Amino acid sequence: MLGLLFGSIAFALGAATGRRGLARGVTALLAVAAYLASTLSPLVHGLGALRQASPWYHTLGVDPLATGFAAGHLLVLVGMTAAVVGAGLVAFDRRDLATA
């Protein structure tokens, strides 16, 4: 689900801007920033709420190897992915490929 989420972010950015490099770069930056927010939030006092927004927390923060996947966390990832795919489809539909 994490891979699908970041792949859909890249799709949405590429559909909105038409620039493949920008979509790749921004998606990679978002993935690293979300990972850092998830892993550093227990160490930094003011970042507690930011951890809950990170897709890395919903993927790895609940220790799926030891406890199994939690349905609520998977639903959060599915919801994030569906929202980004929907935005990407709208951006792709509005794009005029003849002039790009």
PDB file of N, CA and C in Angstrom:
ATOM      1  N   MET A   1       0.823  -1.187   0.000  1.00  0.00           N
ATOM      2  CA  MET A   1       0.000   0.000   0.000  1.00  0.00           C
ATOM      3  C   MET A   1       0.869   1.252   0.000  1.00  0.00           C
ATOM      4  N   LEU A   2       2.005   1.189   0.666  1.00  0.00           N
ATOM      5  CA  LEU A   2       2.887   2.354   0.696  1.00  0.00           C
ATOM      6  C   LEU A   2       3.421   2.658  -0.704  1.00  0.00           C
ATOM      7  N   GLY A   3       3.799   1.632  -1.420  1.00  0.00           N
ATOM      8  CA  GLY A   3       4.269   1.814  -2.790  1.00  0.00           C
ATOM      9  C   GLY A   3       3.179   2.347  -3.699  1.00  0.00           C
ATOM     10  N   LEU A   4       1.956   1.853  -3.528  1.00  0.00           N
ATOM     11  CA  LEU A   4       0.840   2.362  -4.326  1.00  0.00           C
ATOM     12  C   LEU A   4       0.559   3.824  -4.008  1.00  0.00           C
ATOM     13  N   LEU A   5       0.682   4.192  -2.742  1.00  0.00           N
ATOM     14  CA  LEU A   5       0.441   5.580  -2.364  1.00  0.00           C
ATOM     15  C   LEU A   5       1.453   6.512  -3.014  1.00  0.00           C
ATOM     16  N   PHE A   6       2.728   6.198  -2.890  1.00  0.00           N
ATOM     17  CA  PHE A   6       3.735   7.074  -3.483  1.00  0.00           C
ATOM     18  C   PHE A   6       3.712   7.005  -5.005  1.00  0.00           C
ATOM     19  N   GLY A   7       3.359   5.871  -5.571  1.00  0.00           N
ATOM     20  CA  GLY A   7       3.186   5.798  -7.021  1.00  0.00           C
ATOM     21  C   GLY A   7       2.036   6.654  -7.503  1.00  0.00           C
ATOM     22  N   SER A   8       0.952   6.676  -6.739  1.00  0.00           N
ATOM     23  CA  SER A   8      -0.190   7.518  -7.128  1.00  0.00           C
ATOM     24  C   SER A   8       0.124   8.993  -6.942  1.00  0.00           C
ATOM     25  N   ILE A   9       0.968   9.323  -5.962  1.00  0.00           N
ATOM     26  CA  ILE A   9       1.399  10.717  -5.816  1.00  0.00           C
ATOM     27  C   ILE A   9       2.211  11.137  -7.040  1.00  0.00           C
ATOM     28  N   ALA A  10       3.105  10.274  -7.485  1.00  0.00           N
ATOM     29  CA  ALA A  10       3.891  10.574  -8.684  1.00  0.00           C
ATOM     30  C   ALA A  10       2.985  10.717  -9.909  1.00  0.00           C
ATOM     31  N   PHE A  11       1.988   9.850 -10.021  1.00  0.00           N
ATOM     32  CA  PHE A  11       1.035   9.947 -11.128  1.00  0.00           C
ATOM     33  C   PHE A  11       0.282  11.270 -11.090  1.00  0.00           C
ATOM     34  N   ALA A  12      -0.200  11.653  -9.918  1.00  0.00           N
ATOM     35  CA  ALA A  12      -0.972  12.891  -9.797  1.00  0.00           C
ATOM     36  C   ALA A  12      -0.108  14.106 -10.115  1.00  0.00           C
ATOM     37  N   LEU A  13       1.117  14.124  -9.623  1.00  0.00           N
ATOM     38  CA  LEU A  13       2.002  15.251  -9.915  1.00  0.00           C
ATOM     39  C   LEU A  13       2.367  15.299 -11.397  1.00  0.00           C
ATOM     40  N   GLY A  14       2.619  14.140 -11.972  1.00  0.00           N
ATOM     41  CA  GLY A  14       2.923  14.098 -13.401  1.00  0.00           C
ATOM     42  C   GLY A  14       1.745  14.523 -14.250  1.00  0.00           C
ATOM     43  N   ALA A  15       0.548  14.133 -13.850  1.00  0.00           N
ATOM     44  CA  ALA A  15      -0.648  14.522 -14.594  1.00  0.00           C
ATOM     45  C   ALA A  15      -0.924  16.010 -14.451  1.00  0.00           C
ATOM     46  N   ALA A  16      -0.644  16.556 -13.279  1.00  0.00           N
ATOM     47  CA  ALA A  16      -0.928  17.972 -13.040  1.00  0.00           C
ATOM     48  C   ALA A  16       0.095  18.881 -13.710  1.00  0.00           C
ATOM     49  N   THR A  17       1.367  18.466 -13.728  1.00  0.00           N
ATOM     50  CA  THR A  17       2.410  19.341 -14.254  1.00  0.00           C
ATOM     51  C   THR A  17       2.893  18.950 -15.638  1.00  0.00           C
ATOM     52  N   GLY A  18       2.808  17.673 -15.974  1.00  0.00           N
ATOM     53  CA  GLY A  18       3.323  17.216 -17.259  1.00  0.00           C
ATOM     54  C   GLY A  18       4.828  17.045 -17.266  1.00  0.00           C
ATOM     55  N   ARG A  19       5.443  17.145 -16.110  1.00  0.00           N
ATOM     56  CA  ARG A  19       6.901  17.045 -16.014  1.00  0.00           C
ATOM     57  C   ARG A  19       7.272  15.809 -15.202  1.00  0.00           C
ATOM     58  N   ARG A  20       7.872  14.858 -15.886  1.00  0.00           N
ATOM     59  CA  ARG A  20       8.207  13.579 -15.278  1.00  0.00           C
ATOM     60  C   ARG A  20       9.261  13.733 -14.182  1.00  0.00           C
ATOM     61  N   GLY A  21      10.289  14.511 -14.425  1.00  0.00           N
ATOM     62  CA  GLY A  21      11.349  14.700 -13.444  1.00  0.00           C
ATOM     63  C   GLY A  21      10.854  15.365 -12.172  1.00  0.00           C
ATOM     64  N   LEU A  22       9.991  16.346 -12.339  1.00  0.00           N
ATOM     65  CA  LEU A  22       9.412  17.022 -11.177  1.00  0.00           C
ATOM     66  C   LEU A  22       8.569  16.056 -10.354  1.00  0.00           C
ATOM     67  N   ALA A  23       7.790  15.239 -11.020  1.00  0.00           N
ATOM     68  CA  ALA A  23       6.947  14.262 -10.316  1.00  0.00           C
ATOM     69  C   ALA A  23       7.809  13.276  -9.543  1.00  0.00           C
ATOM     70  N   ARG A  24       8.877  12.802 -10.143  1.00  0.00           N
ATOM     71  CA  ARG A  24       9.771  11.870  -9.453  1.00  0.00           C
ATOM     72  C   ARG A  24      10.455  12.522  -8.263  1.00  0.00           C
ATOM     73  N   GLY A  25      10.985  13.712  -8.479  1.00  0.00           N
ATOM     74  CA  GLY A  25      11.725  14.396  -7.430  1.00  0.00           C
ATOM     75  C   GLY A  25      10.867  14.763  -6.236  1.00  0.00           C
ATOM     76  N   VAL A  26       9.699  15.328  -6.497  1.00  0.00           N
ATOM     77  CA  VAL A  26       8.813  15.729  -5.405  1.00  0.00           C
ATOM     78  C   VAL A  26       8.301  14.504  -4.655  1.00  0.00           C
ATOM     79  N   THR A  27       8.003  13.437  -5.371  1.00  0.00           N
ATOM     80  CA  THR A  27       7.548  12.209  -4.712  1.00  0.00           C
ATOM     81  C   THR A  27       8.648  11.626  -3.829  1.00  0.00           C
ATOM     82  N   ALA A  28       9.869  11.610  -4.311  1.00  0.00           N
ATOM     83  CA  ALA A  28      10.982  11.119  -3.498  1.00  0.00           C
ATOM     84  C   ALA A  28      11.183  12.002  -2.270  1.00  0.00           C
ATOM     85  N   LEU A  29      11.078  13.312  -2.449  1.00  0.00           N
ATOM     86  CA  LEU A  29      11.210  14.236  -1.323  1.00  0.00           C
ATOM     87  C   LEU A  29      10.105  14.014  -0.291  1.00  0.00           C
ATOM     88  N   LEU A  30       8.884  13.813  -0.756  1.00  0.00           N
ATOM     89  CA  LEU A  30       7.774  13.542   0.155  1.00  0.00           C
ATOM     90  C   LEU A  30       7.956  12.226   0.899  1.00  0.00           C
ATOM     91  N   ALA A  31       8.462  11.206   0.213  1.00  0.00           N
ATOM     92  CA  ALA A  31       8.685   9.917   0.862  1.00  0.00           C
ATOM     93  C   ALA A  31       9.734  10.036   1.963  1.00  0.00           C
ATOM     94  N   VAL A  32      10.818  10.745   1.687  1.00  0.00           N
ATOM     95  CA  VAL A  32      11.874  10.913   2.689  1.00  0.00           C
ATOM     96  C   VAL A  32      11.381  11.776   3.843  1.00  0.00           C
ATOM     97  N   ALA A  33      10.673  12.854   3.546  1.00  0.00           N
ATOM     98  CA  ALA A  33      10.158  13.734   4.602  1.00  0.00           C
ATOM     99  C   ALA A  33       9.147  13.002   5.486  1.00  0.00           C
ATOM    100  N   ALA A  34       8.291  12.198   4.882  1.00  0.00           N
ATOM    101  CA  ALA A  34       7.314  11.437   5.665  1.00  0.00           C
ATOM    102  C   ALA A  34       8.007  10.390   6.524  1.00  0.00           C
ATOM    103  N   TYR A  35       9.052   9.771   6.000  1.00  0.00           N
ATOM    104  CA  TYR A  35       9.803   8.788   6.784  1.00  0.00           C
ATOM    105  C   TYR A  35      10.484   9.460   7.972  1.00  0.00           C
ATOM    106  N   LEU A  36      11.110  10.598   7.727  1.00  0.00           N
ATOM    107  CA  LEU A  36      11.765  11.308   8.817  1.00  0.00           C
ATOM    108  C   LEU A  36      10.756  11.770   9.862  1.00  0.00           C
ATOM    109  N   ALA A  37       9.605  12.234   9.416  1.00  0.00           N
ATOM    110  CA  ALA A  37       8.573  12.658  10.364  1.00  0.00           C
ATOM    111  C   ALA A  37       8.103  11.488  11.217  1.00  0.00           C
ATOM    112  N   SER A  38       7.993  10.324  10.615  1.00  0.00           N
ATOM    113  CA  SER A  38       7.529   9.152  11.351  1.00  0.00           C
ATOM    114  C   SER A  38       8.571   8.651  12.335  1.00  0.00           C
ATOM    115  N   THR A  39       9.830   8.658  11.930  1.00  0.00           N
ATOM    116  CA  THR A  39      10.862   8.088  12.796  1.00  0.00           C
ATOM    117  C   THR A  39      11.393   9.070  13.826  1.00  0.00           C
ATOM    118  N   LEU A  40      11.403  10.355  13.517  1.00  0.00           N
ATOM    119  CA  LEU A  40      11.944  11.335  14.452  1.00  0.00           C
ATOM    120  C   LEU A  40      10.905  11.906  15.408  1.00  0.00           C
ATOM    121  N   SER A  41       9.642  11.705  15.137  1.00  0.00           N
ATOM    122  CA  SER A  41       8.607  12.296  15.989  1.00  0.00           C
ATOM    123  C   SER A  41       8.639  11.797  17.430  1.00  0.00           C
ATOM    124  N   PRO A  42       9.005  10.546  17.714  1.00  0.00           N
ATOM    125  CA  PRO A  42       9.107  10.169  19.131  1.00  0.00           C
ATOM    126  C   PRO A  42      10.261  10.886  19.859  1.00  0.00           C
ATOM    127  N   LEU A  43      11.235  11.352  19.102  1.00  0.00           N
ATOM    128  CA  LEU A  43      12.394  12.005  19.703  1.00  0.00           C
ATOM    129  C   LEU A  43      12.213  13.506  19.869  1.00  0.00           C
ATOM    130  N   VAL A  44      11.371  14.116  19.043  1.00  0.00           N
ATOM    131  CA  VAL A  44      11.148  15.561  19.082  1.00  0.00           C
ATOM    132  C   VAL A  44       9.762  15.804  19.674  1.00  0.00           C
ATOM    133  N   HIS A  45       9.711  16.601  20.718  1.00  0.00           N
ATOM    134  CA  HIS A  45       8.474  16.779  21.480  1.00  0.00           C
ATOM    135  C   HIS A  45       7.324  17.346  20.641  1.00  0.00           C
ATOM    136  N   GLY A  46       7.547  18.294  19.778  1.00  0.00           N
ATOM    137  CA  GLY A  46       6.471  18.961  19.053  1.00  0.00           C
ATOM    138  C   GLY A  46       5.969  18.238  17.815  1.00  0.00           C
ATOM    139  N   LEU A  47       6.519  17.101  17.473  1.00  0.00           N
ATOM    140  CA  LEU A  47       6.145  16.412  16.233  1.00  0.00           C
ATOM    141  C   LEU A  47       5.204  15.228  16.439  1.00  0.00           C
ATOM    142  N   GLY A  48       4.587  15.113  17.585  1.00  0.00           N
ATOM    143  CA  GLY A  48       3.738  13.958  17.872  1.00  0.00           C
ATOM    144  C   GLY A  48       2.573  13.801  16.917  1.00  0.00           C
ATOM    145  N   ALA A  49       1.892  14.902  16.606  1.00  0.00           N
ATOM    146  CA  ALA A  49       0.743  14.828  15.704  1.00  0.00           C
ATOM    147  C   ALA A  49       1.169  14.571  14.264  1.00  0.00           C
ATOM    148  N   LEU A  50       2.372  14.983  13.912  1.00  0.00           N
ATOM    149  CA  LEU A  50       2.854  14.790  12.545  1.00  0.00           C
ATOM    150  C   LEU A  50       3.063  13.308  12.236  1.00  0.00           C
ATOM    151  N   ARG A  51       3.385  12.538  13.258  1.00  0.00           N
ATOM    152  CA  ARG A  51       3.615  11.103  13.047  1.00  0.00           C
ATOM    153  C   ARG A  51       2.354  10.408  12.557  1.00  0.00           C
ATOM    154  N   GLN A  52       1.207  10.785  13.091  1.00  0.00           N
ATOM    155  CA  GLN A  52      -0.058  10.158  12.697  1.00  0.00           C
ATOM    156  C   GLN A  52      -0.400  10.439  11.230  1.00  0.00           C
ATOM    157  N   ALA A  53       0.098  11.533  10.681  1.00  0.00           N
ATOM    158  CA  ALA A  53      -0.186  11.877   9.290  1.00  0.00           C
ATOM    159  C   ALA A  53       0.750  11.173   8.308  1.00  0.00           C
ATOM    160  N   SER A  54       1.818  10.594   8.791  1.00  0.00           N
ATOM    161  CA  SER A  54       2.802   9.961   7.920  1.00  0.00           C
ATOM    162  C   SER A  54       2.325   8.579   7.468  1.00  0.00           C
ATOM    163  N   PRO A  55       2.393   8.289   6.172  1.00  0.00           N
ATOM    164  CA  PRO A  55       2.028   6.941   5.710  1.00  0.00           C
ATOM    165  C   PRO A  55       2.999   5.874   6.218  1.00  0.00           C
ATOM    166  N   TRP A  56       4.224   6.262   6.538  1.00  0.00           N
ATOM    167  CA  TRP A  56       5.179   5.303   7.078  1.00  0.00           C
ATOM    168  C   TRP A  56       4.725   4.802   8.441  1.00  0.00           C
ATOM    169  N   TYR A  57       4.109   5.650   9.240  1.00  0.00           N
ATOM    170  CA  TYR A  57       3.597   5.221  10.541  1.00  0.00           C
ATOM    171  C   TYR A  57       2.514   4.166  10.356  1.00  0.00           C
ATOM    172  N   HIS A  58       1.629   4.386   9.414  1.00  0.00           N
ATOM    173  CA  HIS A  58       0.530   3.444   9.192  1.00  0.00           C
ATOM    174  C   HIS A  58       1.021   2.140   8.567  1.00  0.00           C
ATOM    175  N   THR A  59       2.196   2.170   7.960  1.00  0.00           N
ATOM    176  CA  THR A  59       2.757   0.961   7.364  1.00  0.00           C
ATOM    177  C   THR A  59       3.649   0.203   8.344  1.00  0.00           C
ATOM    178  N   LEU A  60       4.587   0.911   8.959  1.00  0.00           N
ATOM    179  CA  LEU A  60       5.582   0.239   9.793  1.00  0.00           C
ATOM    180  C   LEU A  60       5.488   0.570  11.278  1.00  0.00           C
ATOM    181  N   GLY A  61       4.829   1.657  11.627  1.00  0.00           N
ATOM    182  CA  GLY A  61       4.788   2.101  13.011  1.00  0.00           C
ATOM    183  C   GLY A  61       3.991   1.211  13.933  1.00  0.00           C
ATOM    184  N   VAL A  62       3.179   0.346  13.377  1.00  0.00           N
ATOM    185  CA  VAL A  62       2.355  -0.551  14.199  1.00  0.00           C
ATOM    186  C   VAL A  62       2.957  -1.953  14.285  1.00  0.00           C
ATOM    187  N   ASP A  63       4.196  -2.097  13.798  1.00  0.00           N
ATOM    188  CA  ASP A  63       4.946  -3.360  13.834  1.00  0.00           C
ATOM    189  C   ASP A  63       4.159  -4.523  13.221  1.00  0.00           C
ATOM    190  N   PRO A  64       3.950  -4.485  11.903  1.00  0.00           N
ATOM    191  CA  PRO A  64       3.139  -5.519  11.259  1.00  0.00           C
ATOM    192  C   PRO A  64       3.779  -6.905  11.261  1.00  0.00           C
ATOM    193  N   LEU A  65       5.099  -7.001  11.397  1.00  0.00           N
ATOM    194  CA  LEU A  65       5.726  -8.321  11.416  1.00  0.00           C
ATOM    195  C   LEU A  65       5.434  -9.066  12.709  1.00  0.00           C
ATOM    196  N   ALA A  66       5.319  -8.336  13.799  1.00  0.00           N
ATOM    197  CA  ALA A  66       5.073  -8.984  15.086  1.00  0.00           C
ATOM    198  C   ALA A  66       3.584  -9.123  15.396  1.00  0.00           C
ATOM    199  N   THR A  67       2.799  -8.115  15.018  1.00  0.00           N
ATOM    200  CA  THR A  67       1.385  -8.107  15.417  1.00  0.00           C
ATOM    201  C   THR A  67       0.419  -8.291  14.260  1.00  0.00           C
ATOM    202  N   GLY A  68       0.920  -8.282  13.040  1.00  0.00           N
ATOM    203  CA  GLY A  68       0.036  -8.358  11.883  1.00  0.00           C
ATOM    204  C   GLY A  68      -0.457  -6.964  11.506  1.00  0.00           C
ATOM    205  N   PHE A  69      -1.070  -6.872  10.366  1.00  0.00           N
ATOM    206  CA  PHE A  69      -1.572  -5.584   9.909  1.00  0.00           C
ATOM    207  C   PHE A  69      -2.841  -5.214  10.653  1.00  0.00           C
ATOM    208  N   ALA A  70      -2.950  -3.967  11.002  1.00  0.00           N
ATOM    209  CA  ALA A  70      -4.161  -3.451  11.637  1.00  0.00           C
ATOM    210  C   ALA A  70      -5.085  -2.931  10.543  1.00  0.00           C
ATOM    211  N   ALA A  71      -6.326  -3.331  10.568  1.00  0.00           N
ATOM    212  CA  ALA A  71      -7.275  -2.954   9.511  1.00  0.00           C
ATOM    213  C   ALA A  71      -7.457  -1.446   9.435  1.00  0.00           C
ATOM    214  N   GLY A  72      -7.464  -0.774  10.559  1.00  0.00           N
ATOM    215  CA  GLY A  72      -7.641   0.682  10.554  1.00  0.00           C
ATOM    216  C   GLY A  72      -6.517   1.400   9.847  1.00  0.00           C
ATOM    217  N   HIS A  73      -5.292   0.949  10.067  1.00  0.00           N
ATOM    218  CA  HIS A  73      -4.143   1.571   9.420  1.00  0.00           C
ATOM    219  C   HIS A  73      -4.134   1.288   7.917  1.00  0.00           C
ATOM    220  N   LEU A  74      -4.538   0.084   7.546  1.00  0.00           N
ATOM    221  CA  LEU A  74      -4.633  -0.209   6.106  1.00  0.00           C
ATOM    222  C   LEU A  74      -5.717   0.628   5.437  1.00  0.00           C
ATOM    223  N   LEU A  75      -6.815   0.843   6.135  1.00  0.00           N
ATOM    224  CA  LEU A  75      -7.879   1.681   5.574  1.00  0.00           C
ATOM    225  C   LEU A  75      -7.430   3.120   5.404  1.00  0.00           C
ATOM    226  N   VAL A  76      -6.607   3.612   6.315  1.00  0.00           N
ATOM    227  CA  VAL A  76      -6.063   4.964   6.163  1.00  0.00           C
ATOM    228  C   VAL A  76      -5.212   5.043   4.904  1.00  0.00           C
ATOM    229  N   LEU A  77      -4.362   4.048   4.684  1.00  0.00           N
ATOM    230  CA  LEU A  77      -3.522   4.027   3.478  1.00  0.00           C
ATOM    231  C   LEU A  77      -4.357   3.897   2.214  1.00  0.00           C
ATOM    232  N   VAL A  78      -5.382   3.058   2.252  1.00  0.00           N
ATOM    233  CA  VAL A  78      -6.272   2.916   1.090  1.00  0.00           C
ATOM    234  C   VAL A  78      -6.995   4.228   0.819  1.00  0.00           C
ATOM    235  N   GLY A  79      -7.453   4.902   1.867  1.00  0.00           N
ATOM    236  CA  GLY A  79      -8.133   6.185   1.691  1.00  0.00           C
ATOM    237  C   GLY A  79      -7.218   7.249   1.122  1.00  0.00           C
ATOM    238  N   MET A  80      -5.975   7.318   1.625  1.00  0.00           N
ATOM    239  CA  MET A  80      -5.007   8.276   1.084  1.00  0.00           C
ATOM    240  C   MET A  80      -4.746   7.999  -0.394  1.00  0.00           C
ATOM    241  N   THR A  81      -4.556   6.730  -0.715  1.00  0.00           N
ATOM    242  CA  THR A  81      -4.276   6.354  -2.103  1.00  0.00           C
ATOM    243  C   THR A  81      -5.457   6.676  -3.001  1.00  0.00           C
ATOM    244  N   ALA A  82      -6.661   6.370  -2.554  1.00  0.00           N
ATOM    245  CA  ALA A  82      -7.851   6.660  -3.370  1.00  0.00           C
ATOM    246  C   ALA A  82      -8.014   8.152  -3.603  1.00  0.00           C
ATOM    247  N   ALA A  83      -7.752   8.962  -2.591  1.00  0.00           N
ATOM    248  CA  ALA A  83      -7.874  10.409  -2.744  1.00  0.00           C
ATOM    249  C   ALA A  83      -6.855  10.946  -3.747  1.00  0.00           C
ATOM    250  N   VAL A  84      -5.622  10.454  -3.669  1.00  0.00           N
ATOM    251  CA  VAL A  84      -4.585  10.937  -4.581  1.00  0.00           C
ATOM    252  C   VAL A  84      -4.842  10.443  -6.004  1.00  0.00           C
ATOM    253  N   VAL A  85      -5.298   9.199  -6.151  1.00  0.00           N
ATOM    254  CA  VAL A  85      -5.625   8.693  -7.492  1.00  0.00           C
ATOM    255  C   VAL A  85      -6.775   9.492  -8.087  1.00  0.00           C
ATOM    256  N   GLY A  86      -7.775   9.802  -7.276  1.00  0.00           N
ATOM    257  CA  GLY A  86      -8.888  10.629  -7.765  1.00  0.00           C
ATOM    258  C   GLY A  86      -8.424  11.994  -8.234  1.00  0.00           C
ATOM    259  N   ALA A  87      -7.551  12.623  -7.459  1.00  0.00           N
ATOM    260  CA  ALA A  87      -7.018  13.929  -7.868  1.00  0.00           C
ATOM    261  C   ALA A  87      -6.178  13.800  -9.133  1.00  0.00           C
ATOM    262  N   GLY A  88      -5.411  12.719  -9.239  1.00  0.00           N
ATOM    263  CA  GLY A  88      -4.608  12.499 -10.435  1.00  0.00           C
ATOM    264  C   GLY A  88      -5.452  12.257 -11.669  1.00  0.00           C
ATOM    265  N   LEU A  89      -6.544  11.529 -11.517  1.00  0.00           N
ATOM    266  CA  LEU A  89      -7.437  11.296 -12.658  1.00  0.00           C
ATOM    267  C   LEU A  89      -8.109  12.579 -13.117  1.00  0.00           C
ATOM    268  N   VAL A  90      -8.487  13.414 -12.169  1.00  0.00           N
ATOM    269  CA  VAL A  90      -9.082  14.716 -12.533  1.00  0.00           C
ATOM    270  C   VAL A  90      -8.051  15.568 -13.263  1.00  0.00           C
ATOM    271  N   ALA A  91      -6.813  15.605 -12.752  1.00  0.00           N
ATOM    272  CA  ALA A  91      -5.757  16.393 -13.399  1.00  0.00           C
ATOM    273  C   ALA A  91      -5.433  15.835 -14.777  1.00  0.00           C
ATOM    274  N   PHE A  92      -5.412  14.524 -14.914  1.00  0.00           N
ATOM    275  CA  PHE A  92      -5.109  13.922 -16.209  1.00  0.00           C
ATOM    276  C   PHE A  92      -6.226  14.183 -17.205  1.00  0.00           C
ATOM    277  N   ASP A  93      -7.472  14.131 -16.741  1.00  0.00           N
ATOM    278  CA  ASP A  93      -8.609  14.377 -17.626  1.00  0.00           C
ATOM    279  C   ASP A  93      -8.632  15.813 -18.127  1.00  0.00           C
ATOM    280  N   ARG A  94      -8.214  16.750 -17.312  1.00  0.00           N
ATOM    281  CA  ARG A  94      -8.214  18.175 -17.691  1.00  0.00           C
ATOM    282  C   ARG A  94      -7.017  18.555 -18.546  1.00  0.00           C
ATOM    283  N   ARG A  95      -6.059  17.698 -18.642  1.00  0.00           N
ATOM    284  CA  ARG A  95      -4.817  18.021 -19.363  1.00  0.00           C
ATOM    285  C   ARG A  95      -5.061  17.976 -20.866  1.00  0.00           C
ATOM    286  N   ASP A  96      -4.552  18.982 -21.561  1.00  0.00           N
ATOM    287  CA  ASP A  96      -4.618  19.032 -23.014  1.00  0.00           C
ATOM    288  C   ASP A  96      -3.299  18.521 -23.557  1.00  0.00           C
ATOM    289  N   LEU A  97      -3.268  17.275 -23.967  1.00  0.00           N
ATOM    290  CA  LEU A  97      -2.013  16.645 -24.395  1.00  0.00           C
ATOM    291  C   LEU A  97      -1.537  17.150 -25.738  1.00  0.00           C
ATOM    292  N   ALA A  98      -2.391  17.780 -26.516  1.00  0.00           N
ATOM    293  CA  ALA A  98      -1.981  18.271 -27.827  1.00  0.00           C
ATOM    294  C   ALA A  98      -1.048  19.482 -27.702  1.00  0.00           C
ATOM    295  N   THR A  99      -1.170  20.244 -26.632  1.00  0.00           N
ATOM    296  CA  THR A  99      -0.349  21.431 -26.475  1.00  0.00           C
ATOM    297  C   THR A  99       0.786  21.245 -25.490  1.00  0.00           C
ATOM    298  N   ALA A 100       0.863  20.096 -24.829  1.00  0.00           N
ATOM    299  CA  ALA A 100       1.897  19.899 -23.795  1.00  0.00           C
ATOM    300  C   ALA A 100       3.232  19.555 -24.410  1.00  0.00           C
TER     301      ALA A 100
END
